[in-house]
Amino acid sequence: MKIFHIPLIRWAIIFSILVFSQHVVLKQLGWGPDALQNLDVDTIFAALSVTKKQPTAMISDYEEQVIIPLEQYGSGWIISVELNGLYTARLLLDTGASITSLSEDLAFDMGLTADPRYTQISAETANGTTTAWLTHVETIRSGEAELQNVQVAILDFSNFSHKKIHGLLGMNFLNNFEWRLDQDQEALLLQLKT
C-alpha cells in the first residue's frame, strides 16, 4: 500500500506546502509575522490584485459634446464634480497638474485609503514640495461626462478650505477627452476621443 493514498497524509503534505509557500512569499515581500495582524481586507485585496483597470471615459449616449459650466476663481476656474456617485467636490481646473488631487479632508470623508501598490510621491504645490499618497476613485463625473477608475493623489489643501476647494482636476482626467476651455462661455467643452 502506497503512503500517498492515505487521505490524511495527502492533506497534511498539501497543507505543509501551502504554509511553506505562504511563508516564502511573505518573506520576499518583506512582511514579518506581526505585519499580518495589521492588514485590513482592502489592503490585502489591493496587494493581491495583479491587474490595474484602465480609466474609461464615457459621455451620455444623447450628447456628442458636453458643456460644463465653470466658476471663475482669480485667474483660474473651479469645476463641480461628483466622486463615486456620492460626494460632490469643487476642484480647481489645473492643466499643469499631471494627476487629479483631492484634499485629505475629502479623502477621509470618502473613506479612501492609500493604495499599497504605490509608494508616496513628492508633489510640487504653491506652498512648496509636499508628500502625497496615491489611491483610486471609482468615478469622477461632471455633467454628462464621466471617467471611471481614476488614480488620485491625496494632498493637504487646508489653505483652500475656507474657499470650499477640495482639490485639483488634473490632466489624467482631461486627457481622456477632447477638451477645450471656452473662457467667454465660462465653460469646459468635452467630447469623447475618436
N, C-alpha and C. Protein backbone atom coordinates (compact mmCIF):
# COMPACT_ATOMS: atom_id res chain seq x y z
N MET A 1 0.84 -1.17 0.00
CA MET A 1 0.00 0.00 0.00
C MET A 1 0.89 1.24 0.00
N LYS A 2 0.61 2.17 -0.93
CA LYS A 2 1.40 3.38 -1.03
C LYS A 2 0.95 4.37 0.03
N ILE A 3 1.91 5.09 0.60
CA ILE A 3 1.61 6.03 1.68
C ILE A 3 0.78 7.22 1.19
N PHE A 4 0.92 7.63 -0.06
CA PHE A 4 0.21 8.81 -0.57
C PHE A 4 -1.26 8.54 -0.85
N HIS A 5 -1.70 7.32 -0.73
CA HIS A 5 -3.11 7.03 -0.92
C HIS A 5 -3.93 7.28 0.34
N ILE A 6 -3.28 7.49 1.43
CA ILE A 6 -3.98 7.76 2.68
C ILE A 6 -4.40 9.23 2.67
N PRO A 7 -5.70 9.54 2.69
CA PRO A 7 -6.17 10.93 2.55
C PRO A 7 -5.61 11.90 3.58
N LEU A 8 -5.45 11.47 4.81
CA LEU A 8 -4.96 12.37 5.85
C LEU A 8 -3.51 12.79 5.59
N ILE A 9 -2.71 11.87 5.17
CA ILE A 9 -1.31 12.19 4.89
C ILE A 9 -1.20 13.08 3.66
N ARG A 10 -1.99 12.80 2.64
CA ARG A 10 -2.00 13.63 1.43
C ARG A 10 -2.41 15.07 1.79
N TRP A 11 -3.43 15.19 2.63
CA TRP A 11 -3.89 16.52 3.06
C TRP A 11 -2.79 17.23 3.85
N ALA A 12 -2.07 16.52 4.74
CA ALA A 12 -1.01 17.11 5.54
C ALA A 12 0.13 17.60 4.67
N ILE A 13 0.47 16.87 3.63
CA ILE A 13 1.54 17.28 2.72
C ILE A 13 1.13 18.54 1.97
N ILE A 14 -0.07 18.58 1.46
CA ILE A 14 -0.57 19.77 0.74
C ILE A 14 -0.60 20.97 1.67
N PHE A 15 -1.08 20.77 2.89
CA PHE A 15 -1.12 21.86 3.86
C PHE A 15 0.27 22.40 4.16
N SER A 16 1.23 21.51 4.32
CA SER A 16 2.61 21.92 4.60
C SER A 16 3.19 22.73 3.45
N ILE A 17 2.92 22.29 2.24
CA ILE A 17 3.40 23.03 1.06
C ILE A 17 2.78 24.42 1.03
N LEU A 18 1.50 24.54 1.30
CA LEU A 18 0.83 25.84 1.29
C LEU A 18 1.39 26.77 2.37
N VAL A 19 1.60 26.25 3.57
CA VAL A 19 2.14 27.07 4.66
C VAL A 19 3.55 27.53 4.33
N PHE A 20 4.37 26.62 3.82
CA PHE A 20 5.74 26.97 3.46
C PHE A 20 5.77 28.02 2.35
N SER A 21 4.95 27.85 1.32
CA SER A 21 4.95 28.81 0.20
C SER A 21 4.44 30.17 0.67
N GLN A 22 3.47 30.20 1.57
CA GLN A 22 2.99 31.47 2.12
C GLN A 22 4.12 32.17 2.86
N HIS A 23 4.88 31.41 3.66
CA HIS A 23 6.00 31.98 4.41
C HIS A 23 7.05 32.57 3.46
N VAL A 24 7.36 31.86 2.39
CA VAL A 24 8.37 32.33 1.43
C VAL A 24 7.89 33.60 0.73
N VAL A 25 6.64 33.63 0.29
CA VAL A 25 6.10 34.80 -0.39
C VAL A 25 6.10 36.01 0.53
N LEU A 26 5.64 35.86 1.76
CA LEU A 26 5.61 36.98 2.70
C LEU A 26 7.01 37.47 3.02
N LYS A 27 7.96 36.54 3.13
CA LYS A 27 9.34 36.94 3.39
C LYS A 27 9.90 37.74 2.22
N GLN A 28 9.58 37.34 0.99
CA GLN A 28 10.03 38.06 -0.20
C GLN A 28 9.44 39.47 -0.23
N LEU A 29 8.23 39.64 0.25
CA LEU A 29 7.60 40.96 0.29
C LEU A 29 8.11 41.81 1.45
N GLY A 30 8.91 41.22 2.32
CA GLY A 30 9.44 41.96 3.45
C GLY A 30 8.46 42.08 4.60
N TRP A 31 7.49 41.21 4.64
CA TRP A 31 6.49 41.26 5.70
C TRP A 31 6.87 40.27 6.80
N GLY A 32 6.93 40.76 8.02
CA GLY A 32 7.20 39.88 9.16
C GLY A 32 5.90 39.31 9.68
N PRO A 33 5.98 38.45 10.71
CA PRO A 33 4.78 37.82 11.25
C PRO A 33 3.78 38.82 11.82
N ASP A 34 4.26 39.91 12.42
CA ASP A 34 3.31 40.87 13.01
C ASP A 34 2.69 41.78 11.96
N ALA A 35 3.23 41.82 10.73
CA ALA A 35 2.64 42.65 9.68
C ALA A 35 1.25 42.16 9.31
N LEU A 36 1.04 40.85 9.39
CA LEU A 36 -0.26 40.30 9.02
C LEU A 36 -1.37 40.73 9.97
N GLN A 37 -1.03 40.99 11.22
CA GLN A 37 -2.05 41.38 12.19
C GLN A 37 -2.61 42.77 11.89
N ASN A 38 -1.84 43.62 11.20
CA ASN A 38 -2.26 45.00 10.96
C ASN A 38 -2.92 45.21 9.60
N LEU A 39 -3.04 44.17 8.79
CA LEU A 39 -3.62 44.31 7.46
C LEU A 39 -5.14 44.27 7.53
N ASP A 40 -5.76 45.11 6.71
CA ASP A 40 -7.21 45.02 6.58
C ASP A 40 -7.55 44.37 5.24
N VAL A 41 -8.80 44.09 5.01
CA VAL A 41 -9.24 43.37 3.81
C VAL A 41 -8.91 44.17 2.55
N ASP A 42 -9.11 45.51 2.56
CA ASP A 42 -8.83 46.33 1.38
C ASP A 42 -7.35 46.28 1.02
N THR A 43 -6.48 46.31 2.02
CA THR A 43 -5.04 46.26 1.77
C THR A 43 -4.64 44.92 1.17
N ILE A 44 -5.18 43.84 1.70
CA ILE A 44 -4.87 42.52 1.17
C ILE A 44 -5.36 42.40 -0.26
N PHE A 45 -6.59 42.85 -0.54
CA PHE A 45 -7.15 42.78 -1.88
C PHE A 45 -6.31 43.58 -2.87
N ALA A 46 -5.91 44.79 -2.48
CA ALA A 46 -5.12 45.63 -3.38
C ALA A 46 -3.74 45.02 -3.62
N ALA A 47 -3.14 44.44 -2.59
CA ALA A 47 -1.81 43.85 -2.75
C ALA A 47 -1.85 42.62 -3.65
N LEU A 48 -2.93 41.88 -3.60
CA LEU A 48 -3.04 40.67 -4.42
C LEU A 48 -3.54 40.96 -5.83
N SER A 49 -4.08 42.13 -6.05
CA SER A 49 -4.60 42.48 -7.36
C SER A 49 -3.45 42.64 -8.34
N VAL A 50 -3.49 41.88 -9.42
CA VAL A 50 -2.39 41.92 -10.38
C VAL A 50 -2.71 42.80 -11.58
N THR A 51 -3.95 43.12 -11.79
CA THR A 51 -4.30 43.95 -12.94
C THR A 51 -4.82 45.28 -12.45
N LYS A 52 -4.40 46.31 -13.16
CA LYS A 52 -4.90 47.64 -12.86
C LYS A 52 -5.90 48.00 -13.94
N LYS A 53 -7.08 48.40 -13.55
CA LYS A 53 -8.08 48.80 -14.52
C LYS A 53 -7.66 50.11 -15.15
N GLN A 54 -7.82 50.20 -16.43
CA GLN A 54 -7.51 51.43 -17.15
C GLN A 54 -8.70 52.37 -17.02
N PRO A 55 -8.42 53.68 -16.99
CA PRO A 55 -9.52 54.64 -16.95
C PRO A 55 -10.42 54.48 -18.17
N THR A 56 -11.71 54.63 -17.96
CA THR A 56 -12.68 54.53 -19.04
C THR A 56 -13.49 55.82 -19.09
N ALA A 57 -13.44 56.52 -20.23
CA ALA A 57 -14.17 57.77 -20.40
C ALA A 57 -15.53 57.48 -21.01
N MET A 58 -16.56 58.15 -20.49
CA MET A 58 -17.92 57.98 -21.02
C MET A 58 -18.61 59.34 -21.09
N ILE A 59 -19.46 59.47 -22.08
CA ILE A 59 -20.34 60.62 -22.18
C ILE A 59 -21.72 60.06 -22.48
N SER A 60 -22.74 60.70 -21.93
CA SER A 60 -24.11 60.24 -22.15
C SER A 60 -24.36 59.95 -23.62
N ASP A 61 -25.09 58.88 -23.90
CA ASP A 61 -25.39 58.50 -25.29
C ASP A 61 -26.10 59.60 -26.06
N TYR A 62 -26.74 60.52 -25.35
CA TYR A 62 -27.52 61.56 -26.02
C TYR A 62 -26.70 62.79 -26.33
N GLU A 63 -25.48 62.83 -25.88
CA GLU A 63 -24.64 64.02 -26.04
C GLU A 63 -23.44 63.72 -26.92
N GLU A 64 -23.19 64.60 -27.88
CA GLU A 64 -21.96 64.50 -28.67
C GLU A 64 -20.85 65.29 -28.00
N GLN A 65 -21.24 66.42 -27.43
CA GLN A 65 -20.31 67.27 -26.72
C GLN A 65 -20.97 67.72 -25.42
N VAL A 66 -20.21 67.76 -24.37
CA VAL A 66 -20.74 68.16 -23.07
C VAL A 66 -20.17 69.54 -22.75
N ILE A 67 -21.05 70.42 -22.31
CA ILE A 67 -20.63 71.76 -21.89
C ILE A 67 -20.79 71.83 -20.38
N ILE A 68 -19.67 72.00 -19.69
CA ILE A 68 -19.68 72.00 -18.23
C ILE A 68 -19.41 73.42 -17.75
N PRO A 69 -20.35 74.01 -17.01
CA PRO A 69 -20.13 75.37 -16.51
C PRO A 69 -18.98 75.43 -15.50
N LEU A 70 -18.24 76.52 -15.56
CA LEU A 70 -17.13 76.75 -14.65
C LEU A 70 -17.38 78.01 -13.85
N GLU A 71 -16.74 78.09 -12.72
CA GLU A 71 -16.82 79.28 -11.86
C GLU A 71 -15.43 79.91 -11.82
N GLN A 72 -15.35 81.20 -12.14
CA GLN A 72 -14.04 81.84 -12.14
C GLN A 72 -13.54 82.02 -10.71
N TYR A 73 -12.24 81.73 -10.54
CA TYR A 73 -11.58 81.86 -9.24
C TYR A 73 -10.24 82.53 -9.50
N GLY A 74 -10.16 83.84 -9.31
CA GLY A 74 -8.95 84.58 -9.65
C GLY A 74 -8.70 84.43 -11.14
N SER A 75 -7.51 83.94 -11.49
CA SER A 75 -7.21 83.70 -12.91
C SER A 75 -7.50 82.25 -13.30
N GLY A 76 -8.05 81.47 -12.37
CA GLY A 76 -8.34 80.06 -12.64
C GLY A 76 -9.83 79.78 -12.69
N TRP A 77 -10.14 78.49 -12.75
CA TRP A 77 -11.53 78.05 -12.88
C TRP A 77 -11.81 76.91 -11.91
N ILE A 78 -13.02 76.92 -11.38
CA ILE A 78 -13.48 75.84 -10.50
C ILE A 78 -14.54 75.04 -11.24
N ILE A 79 -14.41 73.72 -11.14
CA ILE A 79 -15.38 72.81 -11.76
C ILE A 79 -16.01 71.97 -10.66
N SER A 80 -17.32 71.76 -10.75
CA SER A 80 -18.02 70.90 -9.79
C SER A 80 -18.03 69.48 -10.33
N VAL A 81 -17.68 68.53 -9.47
CA VAL A 81 -17.65 67.12 -9.86
C VAL A 81 -18.38 66.29 -8.82
N GLU A 82 -18.74 65.09 -9.24
CA GLU A 82 -19.30 64.09 -8.33
C GLU A 82 -18.32 62.93 -8.30
N LEU A 83 -17.97 62.48 -7.11
CA LEU A 83 -17.00 61.40 -6.93
C LEU A 83 -17.70 60.15 -6.41
N ASN A 84 -17.44 59.04 -7.08
CA ASN A 84 -18.02 57.74 -6.69
C ASN A 84 -19.54 57.78 -6.59
N GLY A 85 -20.16 58.70 -7.29
CA GLY A 85 -21.62 58.78 -7.30
C GLY A 85 -22.24 59.27 -6.02
N LEU A 86 -21.42 59.68 -5.03
CA LEU A 86 -21.95 60.06 -3.72
C LEU A 86 -21.47 61.41 -3.21
N TYR A 87 -20.29 61.82 -3.58
CA TYR A 87 -19.68 63.00 -2.98
C TYR A 87 -19.50 64.10 -4.02
N THR A 88 -19.90 65.31 -3.68
CA THR A 88 -19.68 66.44 -4.57
C THR A 88 -18.44 67.20 -4.10
N ALA A 89 -17.73 67.73 -5.07
CA ALA A 89 -16.49 68.45 -4.75
C ALA A 89 -16.31 69.59 -5.75
N ARG A 90 -15.64 70.63 -5.28
CA ARG A 90 -15.26 71.76 -6.13
C ARG A 90 -13.75 71.67 -6.33
N LEU A 91 -13.35 71.43 -7.58
CA LEU A 91 -11.94 71.26 -7.89
C LEU A 91 -11.45 72.39 -8.78
N LEU A 92 -10.22 72.83 -8.54
CA LEU A 92 -9.59 73.80 -9.43
C LEU A 92 -9.18 73.06 -10.70
N LEU A 93 -9.53 73.61 -11.85
CA LEU A 93 -9.11 73.05 -13.13
C LEU A 93 -7.63 73.41 -13.30
N ASP A 94 -6.77 72.40 -13.35
CA ASP A 94 -5.33 72.66 -13.36
C ASP A 94 -4.68 71.87 -14.49
N THR A 95 -4.43 72.56 -15.62
CA THR A 95 -3.82 71.90 -16.78
C THR A 95 -2.32 71.68 -16.57
N GLY A 96 -1.77 72.20 -15.50
CA GLY A 96 -0.37 71.96 -15.17
C GLY A 96 -0.17 70.78 -14.24
N ALA A 97 -1.26 70.22 -13.73
CA ALA A 97 -1.18 69.08 -12.81
C ALA A 97 -1.33 67.78 -13.61
N SER A 98 -0.37 66.89 -13.46
CA SER A 98 -0.44 65.63 -14.21
C SER A 98 -1.48 64.68 -13.63
N ILE A 99 -1.79 64.83 -12.35
CA ILE A 99 -2.71 63.92 -11.68
C ILE A 99 -3.75 64.71 -10.90
N THR A 100 -4.96 64.22 -10.88
CA THR A 100 -6.03 64.82 -10.09
C THR A 100 -5.72 64.62 -8.61
N SER A 101 -5.94 65.67 -7.82
CA SER A 101 -5.63 65.62 -6.40
C SER A 101 -6.87 65.96 -5.58
N LEU A 102 -7.02 65.29 -4.46
CA LEU A 102 -8.12 65.55 -3.54
C LEU A 102 -7.56 65.93 -2.19
N SER A 103 -8.33 66.69 -1.43
CA SER A 103 -7.90 67.10 -0.10
C SER A 103 -7.95 65.93 0.87
N GLU A 104 -7.12 66.00 1.89
CA GLU A 104 -7.12 64.97 2.93
C GLU A 104 -8.48 64.88 3.61
N ASP A 105 -9.14 66.02 3.83
CA ASP A 105 -10.45 66.01 4.48
C ASP A 105 -11.48 65.27 3.64
N LEU A 106 -11.50 65.54 2.32
CA LEU A 106 -12.44 64.86 1.44
C LEU A 106 -12.13 63.36 1.38
N ALA A 107 -10.85 63.01 1.29
CA ALA A 107 -10.47 61.59 1.26
C ALA A 107 -10.94 60.88 2.52
N PHE A 108 -10.79 61.55 3.67
CA PHE A 108 -11.25 60.97 4.94
C PHE A 108 -12.76 60.75 4.90
N ASP A 109 -13.51 61.78 4.45
CA ASP A 109 -14.98 61.66 4.36
C ASP A 109 -15.40 60.52 3.44
N MET A 110 -14.64 60.30 2.36
CA MET A 110 -14.97 59.26 1.38
C MET A 110 -14.49 57.88 1.83
N GLY A 111 -13.69 57.82 2.88
CA GLY A 111 -13.17 56.54 3.34
C GLY A 111 -12.04 56.01 2.46
N LEU A 112 -11.36 56.90 1.75
CA LEU A 112 -10.25 56.48 0.89
C LEU A 112 -9.02 56.17 1.74
N THR A 113 -8.28 55.15 1.33
CA THR A 113 -7.03 54.80 1.98
C THR A 113 -5.94 54.72 0.93
N ALA A 114 -4.70 54.80 1.37
CA ALA A 114 -3.57 54.71 0.44
C ALA A 114 -3.58 53.36 -0.25
N ASP A 115 -3.32 53.36 -1.55
CA ASP A 115 -3.24 52.12 -2.32
C ASP A 115 -1.85 51.52 -2.08
N PRO A 116 -1.75 50.33 -1.50
CA PRO A 116 -0.44 49.77 -1.15
C PRO A 116 0.42 49.41 -2.36
N ARG A 117 -0.13 49.46 -3.56
CA ARG A 117 0.67 49.17 -4.75
C ARG A 117 1.58 50.33 -5.12
N TYR A 118 1.34 51.50 -4.50
CA TYR A 118 2.11 52.68 -4.87
C TYR A 118 2.80 53.27 -3.65
N THR A 119 4.00 53.80 -3.86
CA THR A 119 4.69 54.50 -2.79
C THR A 119 4.22 55.95 -2.78
N GLN A 120 4.51 56.64 -1.71
CA GLN A 120 4.17 58.06 -1.65
C GLN A 120 4.98 58.81 -2.70
N ILE A 121 4.44 59.94 -3.15
CA ILE A 121 5.11 60.74 -4.16
C ILE A 121 5.38 62.13 -3.61
N SER A 122 6.32 62.81 -4.21
CA SER A 122 6.56 64.22 -3.89
C SER A 122 5.75 65.05 -4.87
N ALA A 123 5.06 66.05 -4.36
CA ALA A 123 4.23 66.90 -5.21
C ALA A 123 4.63 68.35 -5.02
N GLU A 124 4.74 69.05 -6.15
CA GLU A 124 5.04 70.48 -6.11
C GLU A 124 3.73 71.23 -6.00
N THR A 125 3.59 72.05 -4.96
CA THR A 125 2.39 72.85 -4.77
C THR A 125 2.79 74.32 -4.65
N ALA A 126 1.79 75.17 -4.55
CA ALA A 126 2.06 76.60 -4.38
C ALA A 126 2.83 76.86 -3.10
N ASN A 127 2.70 75.98 -2.12
CA ASN A 127 3.40 76.14 -0.84
C ASN A 127 4.72 75.37 -0.78
N GLY A 128 5.18 74.86 -1.91
CA GLY A 128 6.43 74.11 -1.94
C GLY A 128 6.20 72.63 -2.14
N THR A 129 7.24 71.84 -1.89
CA THR A 129 7.17 70.39 -2.09
C THR A 129 6.53 69.73 -0.87
N THR A 130 5.62 68.82 -1.14
CA THR A 130 4.96 68.07 -0.06
C THR A 130 4.86 66.61 -0.47
N THR A 131 4.49 65.76 0.46
CA THR A 131 4.33 64.34 0.19
C THR A 131 2.85 64.03 0.02
N ALA A 132 2.55 63.22 -0.98
CA ALA A 132 1.17 62.81 -1.24
C ALA A 132 1.11 61.30 -1.32
N TRP A 133 -0.04 60.74 -0.98
CA TRP A 133 -0.24 59.31 -1.18
C TRP A 133 -1.27 59.10 -2.27
N LEU A 134 -1.18 57.96 -2.93
CA LEU A 134 -2.00 57.67 -4.10
C LEU A 134 -3.08 56.65 -3.79
N THR A 135 -4.20 56.82 -4.47
CA THR A 135 -5.29 55.87 -4.37
C THR A 135 -6.13 56.00 -5.64
N HIS A 136 -7.27 55.34 -5.68
CA HIS A 136 -8.16 55.41 -6.84
C HIS A 136 -9.56 55.80 -6.39
N VAL A 137 -10.28 56.47 -7.28
CA VAL A 137 -11.71 56.66 -7.10
C VAL A 137 -12.40 55.90 -8.23
N GLU A 138 -13.59 55.40 -7.94
CA GLU A 138 -14.31 54.63 -8.94
C GLU A 138 -14.75 55.51 -10.09
N THR A 139 -15.29 56.69 -9.79
CA THR A 139 -15.75 57.58 -10.85
C THR A 139 -15.53 59.04 -10.48
N ILE A 140 -15.25 59.83 -11.51
CA ILE A 140 -15.31 61.29 -11.43
C ILE A 140 -16.26 61.70 -12.54
N ARG A 141 -17.31 62.40 -12.15
CA ARG A 141 -18.35 62.79 -13.12
C ARG A 141 -18.59 64.29 -13.03
N SER A 142 -18.70 64.93 -14.20
CA SER A 142 -19.09 66.33 -14.25
C SER A 142 -20.05 66.47 -15.42
N GLY A 143 -21.25 66.94 -15.14
CA GLY A 143 -22.27 66.99 -16.19
C GLY A 143 -22.55 65.59 -16.69
N GLU A 144 -22.52 65.43 -18.01
CA GLU A 144 -22.75 64.12 -18.61
C GLU A 144 -21.47 63.39 -18.95
N ALA A 145 -20.33 63.90 -18.50
CA ALA A 145 -19.04 63.26 -18.76
C ALA A 145 -18.56 62.54 -17.51
N GLU A 146 -18.07 61.32 -17.69
CA GLU A 146 -17.62 60.53 -16.56
C GLU A 146 -16.35 59.78 -16.93
N LEU A 147 -15.45 59.68 -15.95
CA LEU A 147 -14.25 58.86 -16.09
C LEU A 147 -14.24 57.87 -14.94
N GLN A 148 -14.04 56.60 -15.28
CA GLN A 148 -14.00 55.54 -14.27
C GLN A 148 -12.57 55.11 -14.01
N ASN A 149 -12.32 54.59 -12.80
CA ASN A 149 -11.02 54.04 -12.40
C ASN A 149 -9.91 55.09 -12.49
N VAL A 150 -10.05 56.14 -11.71
CA VAL A 150 -9.13 57.28 -11.79
C VAL A 150 -8.17 57.27 -10.61
N GLN A 151 -6.88 57.33 -10.90
CA GLN A 151 -5.89 57.45 -9.85
C GLN A 151 -5.88 58.91 -9.37
N VAL A 152 -5.83 59.09 -8.07
CA VAL A 152 -5.79 60.44 -7.48
C VAL A 152 -4.71 60.49 -6.42
N ALA A 153 -4.17 61.70 -6.22
CA ALA A 153 -3.22 61.95 -5.14
C ALA A 153 -3.97 62.65 -4.02
N ILE A 154 -3.63 62.33 -2.80
CA ILE A 154 -4.25 62.96 -1.63
C ILE A 154 -3.24 63.94 -1.04
N LEU A 155 -3.65 65.21 -0.97
CA LEU A 155 -2.77 66.29 -0.52
C LEU A 155 -3.44 67.12 0.56
N ASP A 156 -2.64 67.91 1.23
CA ASP A 156 -3.14 68.87 2.21
C ASP A 156 -3.60 70.13 1.47
N PHE A 157 -4.90 70.38 1.46
CA PHE A 157 -5.47 71.57 0.84
C PHE A 157 -6.05 72.50 1.89
N SER A 158 -5.49 72.49 3.09
CA SER A 158 -6.05 73.30 4.18
C SER A 158 -6.02 74.79 3.86
N ASN A 159 -5.09 75.23 3.00
CA ASN A 159 -5.05 76.65 2.62
C ASN A 159 -6.29 77.07 1.85
N PHE A 160 -6.97 76.11 1.21
CA PHE A 160 -8.14 76.42 0.40
C PHE A 160 -9.45 76.06 1.10
N SER A 161 -9.38 75.55 2.33
CA SER A 161 -10.59 75.05 2.99
C SER A 161 -11.63 76.15 3.16
N HIS A 162 -11.21 77.38 3.41
CA HIS A 162 -12.17 78.47 3.59
C HIS A 162 -12.82 78.86 2.26
N LYS A 163 -12.23 78.46 1.15
CA LYS A 163 -12.79 78.73 -0.18
C LYS A 163 -13.64 77.56 -0.67
N LYS A 164 -13.75 76.53 0.13
CA LYS A 164 -14.51 75.33 -0.24
C LYS A 164 -13.97 74.71 -1.52
N ILE A 165 -12.64 74.65 -1.64
CA ILE A 165 -12.00 73.98 -2.75
C ILE A 165 -11.44 72.66 -2.23
N HIS A 166 -11.79 71.57 -2.91
CA HIS A 166 -11.47 70.24 -2.42
C HIS A 166 -10.35 69.55 -3.17
N GLY A 167 -9.69 70.26 -4.09
CA GLY A 167 -8.60 69.62 -4.82
C GLY A 167 -8.40 70.22 -6.19
N LEU A 168 -7.70 69.45 -7.04
CA LEU A 168 -7.37 69.87 -8.40
C LEU A 168 -7.85 68.82 -9.38
N LEU A 169 -8.44 69.25 -10.49
CA LEU A 169 -8.77 68.34 -11.58
C LEU A 169 -7.62 68.43 -12.57
N GLY A 170 -6.85 67.34 -12.68
CA GLY A 170 -5.63 67.35 -13.48
C GLY A 170 -5.78 66.69 -14.84
N MET A 171 -4.63 66.57 -15.50
CA MET A 171 -4.62 66.08 -16.87
C MET A 171 -4.96 64.60 -16.98
N ASN A 172 -4.82 63.82 -15.92
CA ASN A 172 -5.20 62.41 -16.04
C ASN A 172 -6.72 62.26 -16.18
N PHE A 173 -7.48 63.32 -15.91
CA PHE A 173 -8.90 63.34 -16.26
C PHE A 173 -9.07 63.92 -17.66
N LEU A 174 -8.54 65.11 -17.88
CA LEU A 174 -8.78 65.84 -19.13
C LEU A 174 -8.27 65.09 -20.36
N ASN A 175 -7.12 64.44 -20.27
CA ASN A 175 -6.53 63.78 -21.43
C ASN A 175 -7.32 62.58 -21.93
N ASN A 176 -8.33 62.16 -21.20
CA ASN A 176 -9.20 61.08 -21.67
C ASN A 176 -10.31 61.58 -22.58
N PHE A 177 -10.38 62.88 -22.78
CA PHE A 177 -11.39 63.52 -23.62
C PHE A 177 -10.70 64.47 -24.58
N GLU A 178 -11.42 64.82 -25.67
CA GLU A 178 -11.07 66.01 -26.44
C GLU A 178 -11.67 67.15 -25.62
N TRP A 179 -10.86 68.14 -25.27
CA TRP A 179 -11.36 69.18 -24.39
C TRP A 179 -10.89 70.55 -24.85
N ARG A 180 -11.71 71.54 -24.49
CA ARG A 180 -11.38 72.93 -24.79
C ARG A 180 -11.99 73.82 -23.72
N LEU A 181 -11.22 74.80 -23.29
CA LEU A 181 -11.70 75.76 -22.30
C LEU A 181 -12.24 76.97 -23.05
N ASP A 182 -13.52 77.27 -22.88
CA ASP A 182 -14.15 78.43 -23.51
C ASP A 182 -14.33 79.49 -22.43
N GLN A 183 -13.41 80.46 -22.38
CA GLN A 183 -13.45 81.48 -21.34
C GLN A 183 -14.62 82.43 -21.52
N ASP A 184 -15.06 82.67 -22.76
CA ASP A 184 -16.20 83.55 -22.98
C ASP A 184 -17.48 82.96 -22.40
N GLN A 185 -17.68 81.67 -22.60
CA GLN A 185 -18.88 81.00 -22.06
C GLN A 185 -18.67 80.56 -20.62
N GLU A 186 -17.44 80.69 -20.10
CA GLU A 186 -17.08 80.17 -18.78
C GLU A 186 -17.48 78.70 -18.68
N ALA A 187 -16.94 77.93 -19.62
CA ALA A 187 -17.33 76.51 -19.70
C ALA A 187 -16.15 75.67 -20.18
N LEU A 188 -16.20 74.39 -19.80
CA LEU A 188 -15.28 73.39 -20.30
C LEU A 188 -16.06 72.54 -21.29
N LEU A 189 -15.53 72.38 -22.50
CA LEU A 189 -16.18 71.60 -23.53
C LEU A 189 -15.48 70.26 -23.64
N LEU A 190 -16.22 69.17 -23.50
CA LEU A 190 -15.65 67.83 -23.54
C LEU A 190 -16.38 66.98 -24.56
N GLN A 191 -15.61 66.15 -25.26
CA GLN A 191 -16.21 65.10 -26.08
C GLN A 191 -15.28 63.91 -26.10
N LEU A 192 -15.82 62.75 -26.43
CA LEU A 192 -15.00 61.55 -26.44
C LEU A 192 -13.98 61.62 -27.56
N LYS A 193 -12.81 61.06 -27.30
CA LYS A 193 -11.78 60.99 -28.35
C LYS A 193 -12.22 60.02 -29.42
N THR A 194 -11.89 60.35 -30.67
CA THR A 194 -12.28 59.46 -31.77
C THR A 194 -11.12 58.62 -32.23
